[in-house]
Protein backbone atom coordinates (compact mmCIF):
# COMPACT_ATOMS: atom_id res chain seq x y z
CA UNK A 1 -8.60 63.08 -27.60
CA UNK A 2 -8.83 59.53 -28.85
CA UNK A 3 -10.70 57.17 -26.57
CA UNK A 4 -8.76 54.03 -25.64
CA UNK A 5 -9.54 51.00 -23.52
CA UNK A 6 -8.34 50.94 -19.91
CA UNK A 7 -7.10 47.37 -19.58
CA UNK A 8 -4.57 46.42 -16.90
CA UNK A 9 -3.68 43.21 -18.75
CA UNK A 10 -2.25 45.25 -21.63
CA UNK A 11 0.52 46.32 -19.27
CA UNK A 12 1.77 42.71 -19.24
CA UNK A 13 5.21 42.41 -20.83
CA UNK A 14 5.54 46.20 -21.14
CA UNK A 15 9.03 47.23 -20.07
CA UNK A 16 9.05 50.90 -19.18
CA UNK A 17 11.38 52.49 -16.65
CA UNK A 18 8.89 55.28 -15.93
CA UNK A 19 5.15 55.83 -16.00
CA UNK A 20 5.32 57.87 -19.22
CA UNK A 21 7.31 55.11 -20.94
CA UNK A 22 4.72 52.58 -19.80
CA UNK A 23 1.84 54.68 -21.13
CA UNK A 24 3.50 55.25 -24.49
CA UNK A 25 4.13 51.51 -24.85
CA UNK A 26 0.57 50.83 -23.71
CA UNK A 27 -0.85 53.14 -26.37
CA UNK A 28 1.35 51.65 -29.10
CA UNK A 29 0.40 48.13 -28.02
CA UNK A 30 -3.30 49.03 -27.97
CA UNK A 31 -2.91 50.45 -31.49
CA UNK A 32 -1.17 47.28 -32.68
CA UNK A 33 2.09 49.09 -33.41
CA UNK A 34 5.53 47.48 -33.29
CA UNK A 35 6.62 49.17 -30.07
CA UNK A 36 9.51 46.72 -29.45
CA UNK A 37 11.64 48.60 -31.98
CA UNK A 38 11.94 51.42 -29.43
CA UNK A 39 13.90 49.00 -27.23
CA UNK A 40 16.84 49.13 -29.67
CA UNK A 41 18.44 51.99 -27.73
CA UNK A 42 18.12 50.26 -24.36
CA UNK A 43 21.53 48.62 -24.01
CA UNK A 44 23.51 49.82 -21.02
CA UNK A 45 26.40 48.07 -19.30
CA UNK A 46 26.31 46.71 -15.76
CA UNK A 47 29.18 49.07 -14.96
CA UNK A 48 27.29 52.16 -16.16
CA UNK A 49 24.23 51.21 -14.13
CA UNK A 50 26.20 50.55 -10.93
CA UNK A 51 28.38 53.66 -11.31
CA UNK A 52 25.36 55.89 -11.90
CA UNK A 53 23.25 54.56 -9.03
CA UNK A 54 25.92 53.95 -6.41
CA UNK A 55 28.95 56.13 -7.17
CA UNK A 56 26.99 59.09 -8.54
CA UNK A 57 24.00 58.56 -6.18
CA UNK A 58 21.43 58.98 -8.95
CA UNK A 59 18.07 57.46 -7.84
CA UNK A 60 16.47 54.69 -9.89
CA UNK A 61 13.64 56.96 -11.02
CA UNK A 62 16.10 59.44 -12.55
CA UNK A 63 18.42 56.98 -14.29
CA UNK A 64 19.63 58.68 -17.48
CA UNK A 65 22.15 56.43 -19.22
CA UNK A 66 19.69 55.43 -21.93
CA UNK A 67 17.25 57.73 -23.72
CA UNK A 68 13.64 57.77 -22.57
CA UNK A 69 11.43 55.90 -25.03
CA UNK A 70 9.19 58.91 -25.60
CA UNK A 71 12.25 61.02 -26.45
CA UNK A 72 13.43 58.36 -28.92
CA UNK A 73 9.99 58.26 -30.54
CA UNK A 74 9.84 62.05 -30.75
CA UNK A 75 13.32 62.37 -32.27
CA UNK A 76 12.46 59.70 -34.84
CA UNK A 77 9.30 61.63 -35.80
CA UNK A 78 7.03 58.86 -34.56
CA UNK A 79 5.01 61.29 -32.47
CA UNK A 80 4.87 64.86 -31.28
CA UNK A 81 4.62 65.86 -27.64
CA UNK A 82 3.11 68.84 -25.92
CA UNK A 83 2.80 70.06 -22.35
CA UNK A 84 -0.24 71.97 -21.13
CA UNK A 85 -1.42 73.20 -17.75
CA UNK A 86 -5.04 72.75 -18.68
CA UNK A 87 -6.62 69.30 -19.04
CA UNK A 88 -9.38 70.63 -21.32
CA UNK A 89 -6.77 72.04 -23.71
CA UNK A 90 -4.97 68.70 -23.85
CA UNK A 91 -8.17 66.72 -24.37
CA UNK A 92 -9.46 69.02 -27.12
CA UNK A 93 -6.22 69.37 -29.09
CA UNK A 94 -4.20 66.16 -28.72
CA UNK A 95 -4.63 62.41 -29.17
CA UNK A 96 -3.52 61.05 -25.78
CA UNK A 97 -3.13 62.75 -22.43
CA UNK A 98 -1.20 61.84 -19.27
CA UNK A 99 -2.04 63.99 -16.27
CA UNK A 100 0.27 64.67 -13.37
CA UNK A 101 -1.26 63.81 -10.00
CA UNK A 102 -0.38 65.06 -6.55
CA UNK A 103 1.73 62.69 -4.40
CA UNK A 104 -0.98 63.05 -1.71
CA UNK A 105 -3.51 61.53 -4.11
CA UNK A 106 -1.26 58.50 -4.60
CA UNK A 107 -0.69 58.16 -0.85
CA UNK A 108 -4.41 58.40 -0.12
CA UNK A 109 -5.30 55.78 -2.72
CA UNK A 110 -2.44 53.30 -2.34
CA UNK A 111 -0.92 54.02 1.05
CA UNK A 112 2.50 54.79 -0.33
CA UNK A 113 4.42 57.56 -2.04
CA UNK A 114 5.10 57.40 -5.78
CA UNK A 115 8.70 56.78 -6.83
CA UNK A 116 8.81 60.25 -8.32
CA UNK A 117 7.00 63.41 -7.34
CA UNK A 118 5.99 63.86 -11.00
CA UNK A 119 3.77 60.80 -11.31
CA UNK A 120 1.23 60.58 -14.13
CA UNK A 121 -1.90 58.61 -14.94
CA UNK A 122 -3.25 58.01 -18.45
CA UNK A 123 -6.67 59.38 -19.44
CA UNK A 124 -8.37 56.61 -21.40
CA UNK A 125 -12.03 57.43 -21.94
CA UNK A 126 -14.82 59.59 -20.67
CA UNK A 127 -17.95 57.73 -19.53
CA UNK A 128 -20.99 58.90 -17.56
CA UNK A 129 -19.33 62.25 -16.78
CA UNK A 130 -16.29 60.44 -15.35
CA UNK A 131 -12.78 59.93 -16.63
CA UNK A 132 -11.62 56.32 -16.78
CA UNK A 133 -7.86 56.39 -16.16
CA UNK A 134 -5.03 53.88 -16.00
CA UNK A 135 -2.28 53.83 -13.38
CA UNK A 136 0.79 51.76 -14.14
CA UNK A 137 2.23 51.15 -10.66
CA UNK A 138 0.37 49.75 -8.90
CA UNK A 139 -1.78 48.66 -11.80
CA UNK A 140 -5.16 50.23 -11.34
CA UNK A 141 -8.15 51.55 -13.24
CA UNK A 142 -9.34 54.79 -11.69
CA UNK A 143 -12.66 56.57 -12.15
CA UNK A 144 -12.41 60.31 -11.61
CA UNK A 145 -15.40 62.61 -11.41
CA UNK A 146 -14.86 66.35 -11.67
CA UNK A 147 -14.40 66.83 -7.93
CA UNK A 148 -11.83 64.04 -7.54
CA UNK A 149 -10.06 65.16 -10.69
CA UNK A 150 -9.66 68.71 -9.41
CA UNK A 151 -8.29 67.32 -6.14
CA UNK A 152 -5.87 64.91 -7.83
CA UNK A 153 -4.61 67.07 -10.69
CA UNK A 154 -1.19 68.64 -10.14
CA UNK A 155 -1.36 71.18 -12.95
CA UNK A 156 0.51 69.51 -15.80
CA UNK A 157 -0.63 67.41 -18.76
CA UNK A 158 1.78 65.68 -21.13
CA UNK A 159 0.21 64.87 -24.48
CA UNK A 160 1.17 62.49 -27.28
CA UNK A 161 -0.02 63.40 -30.77
CA UNK A 162 0.19 62.08 -34.32
CA UNK A 163 1.52 58.69 -33.21
CA UNK A 164 2.61 56.59 -36.20
CA UNK A 165 3.81 53.05 -36.86
CA UNK A 166 7.56 52.41 -37.14
CA UNK A 167 8.41 52.01 -40.82
CA UNK A 168 10.88 49.43 -42.20
CA UNK A 169 13.67 51.88 -43.06
CA UNK A 170 13.65 53.20 -39.50
CA UNK A 171 13.75 49.65 -38.15
CA UNK A 172 16.94 49.09 -40.15
CA UNK A 173 18.49 52.21 -38.60
CA UNK A 174 17.46 50.98 -35.15
CA UNK A 175 19.14 47.64 -35.84
CA UNK A 176 22.38 49.27 -36.97
CA UNK A 177 22.48 51.47 -33.87
CA UNK A 178 21.83 48.43 -31.68
CA UNK A 179 24.64 46.45 -33.36
CA UNK A 180 27.07 49.31 -32.74
CA UNK A 181 26.01 49.67 -29.10
CA UNK A 182 26.31 46.03 -28.03
CA UNK A 183 29.71 45.84 -29.75
CA UNK A 184 31.19 48.41 -27.36
CA UNK A 185 33.65 46.94 -24.81
CA UNK A 186 32.33 46.64 -21.26
CA UNK A 187 34.19 47.75 -18.16
CA UNK A 188 34.44 45.65 -15.03
CA UNK A 189 32.79 47.12 -11.95
CA UNK A 190 34.04 45.86 -8.59
CA UNK A 191 31.09 46.17 -6.20
CA UNK A 192 31.62 47.48 -2.69
CA UNK A 193 28.01 48.42 -2.09
CA UNK A 194 26.72 49.05 1.42
CA UNK A 195 23.17 50.02 0.46
CA UNK A 196 20.75 47.19 -0.26
CA UNK A 197 18.19 49.44 -1.91
CA UNK A 198 20.77 50.53 -4.47
CA UNK A 199 21.88 46.93 -5.06
CA UNK A 200 18.25 45.99 -5.71
CA UNK A 201 17.77 48.96 -8.06
CA UNK A 202 20.90 48.04 -10.04
CA UNK A 203 19.39 44.63 -10.67
CA UNK A 204 16.00 46.23 -11.34
CA UNK A 205 17.33 48.39 -14.17
CA UNK A 206 19.50 45.56 -15.50
CA UNK A 207 16.62 43.08 -15.67
CA UNK A 208 14.29 45.56 -17.37
CA UNK A 209 16.83 46.61 -19.98
CA UNK A 210 18.00 43.03 -20.62
CA UNK A 211 14.39 41.90 -21.07
CA UNK A 212 13.99 44.74 -23.57
CA UNK A 213 17.05 43.51 -25.42
CA UNK A 214 15.76 39.94 -25.43
CA UNK A 215 12.39 41.06 -26.79
CA UNK A 216 13.98 43.31 -29.40
CA UNK A 217 16.53 40.71 -30.53
CA UNK A 218 13.97 37.90 -30.71
CA UNK A 219 12.68 39.29 -34.01
CA UNK A 220 16.10 38.58 -35.54
CA UNK A 221 17.36 35.47 -33.73
CA UNK A 222 16.63 32.68 -31.30
CA UNK A 223 17.13 34.23 -27.86
CA UNK A 224 16.66 31.07 -25.80
CA UNK A 225 20.27 31.46 -24.61
CA UNK A 226 19.10 34.44 -22.52
CA UNK A 227 16.27 32.66 -20.70
CA UNK A 228 18.20 31.28 -17.72
CA UNK A 229 20.01 34.57 -17.26
CA UNK A 230 16.77 36.58 -17.17
CA UNK A 231 15.35 34.15 -14.62
CA UNK A 232 18.50 34.61 -12.54
CA UNK A 233 18.01 38.38 -12.60
CA UNK A 234 14.43 37.97 -11.40
CA UNK A 235 15.61 35.65 -8.62
CA UNK A 236 18.40 38.00 -7.55
CA UNK A 237 16.00 40.95 -7.41
CA UNK A 238 13.57 38.90 -5.30
CA UNK A 239 16.34 37.88 -2.87
CA UNK A 240 17.48 41.49 -2.43
CA UNK A 241 13.90 42.64 -1.87
CA UNK A 242 13.36 39.84 0.66
CA UNK A 243 16.49 40.94 2.54
CA UNK A 244 15.26 44.52 2.52
CA UNK A 245 11.80 43.66 3.85
CA UNK A 246 13.20 41.32 6.51
CA UNK A 247 15.96 43.82 7.38
CA UNK A 248 18.51 41.01 7.42
CA UNK A 249 21.31 42.01 5.09
CA UNK A 250 24.54 40.17 4.35
CA UNK A 251 26.55 42.64 2.28
CA UNK A 252 29.25 40.09 1.54
CA UNK A 253 26.58 37.90 -0.04
CA UNK A 254 25.15 40.91 -1.88
CA UNK A 255 28.54 41.73 -3.40
CA UNK A 256 29.09 38.09 -4.38
CA UNK A 257 25.70 37.96 -6.08
CA UNK A 258 26.36 41.22 -7.95
CA UNK A 259 29.71 39.87 -9.12
CA UNK A 260 28.07 36.65 -10.37
CA UNK A 261 25.44 38.64 -12.21
CA UNK A 262 28.08 40.82 -13.86
CA UNK A 263 30.10 37.75 -14.95
CA UNK A 264 26.98 36.10 -16.38
CA UNK A 265 26.03 39.36 -18.09
CA UNK A 266 29.42 39.53 -19.84
CA UNK A 267 28.89 36.04 -21.26
CA UNK A 268 25.36 36.79 -22.45
CA UNK A 269 26.34 40.05 -24.12
CA UNK A 270 29.28 38.32 -25.82
CA UNK A 271 26.93 35.71 -27.28
CA UNK A 272 24.41 38.37 -28.22
CA UNK A 273 27.06 40.42 -29.97
CA UNK A 274 28.28 37.43 -31.98
CA UNK A 275 24.76 36.67 -33.14
CA UNK A 276 23.56 40.21 -33.81
CA UNK A 277 26.60 41.16 -35.89
CA UNK A 278 25.77 38.40 -38.38
CA UNK A 279 22.48 40.05 -39.27
CA UNK A 280 22.57 42.14 -42.39
């Protein structure tokens, strides 16, 4: 296994929707690779997000309307992936290893359950007979000796191997796919949502994917026109979370805010589409 630095600050600006996505982006960033190209397949409409989370009752952690970044990288031959039940096998045969940890370990350490039962931490380096590991949420550097590791380990290791930089011809294919995706017509979703957690998660996925799009598009154009919109998404998410914590919910206001976000999103995507289609 390749030794890498455990540095919480490297998680800044990383836009994964899962722990494995965050660790892949972290590794690529630490290697100096152009990881933003993987964001090209991240466009999803407001309607698809809302329909999936509310109408189909799919939890945030299992949102599936865009491909996982590690699956995109694997299909584009940017890495290979393997799953082992034995940490030693993963460490001896592969470049990077993410180990699944028991939910009880997360609860004991952070006082809360992980979003998914299959939560992973990234093995970074071995030092003084301890593993130095990175946790993405909450951000944490963990030292695991053999006893703690055996207690925490949930019997599954996902390994990344033969990770390579994204070459220019692949970047052109990513751009073409992105142009085709953002050009698709969007449907209007009329929100009648009576679950604040779902409303918050809709905005959570929207703001992450739109920030991905802004970061991806910024290599081709000036994306200043998206700044106010992204700030509005952050503000809306914070308001919904404040309502949830305070347990004071005005669903009429929630629906109005979701409608405003969707209207704003239509305008931003229209501008984005006009700009991105001009790129050769």
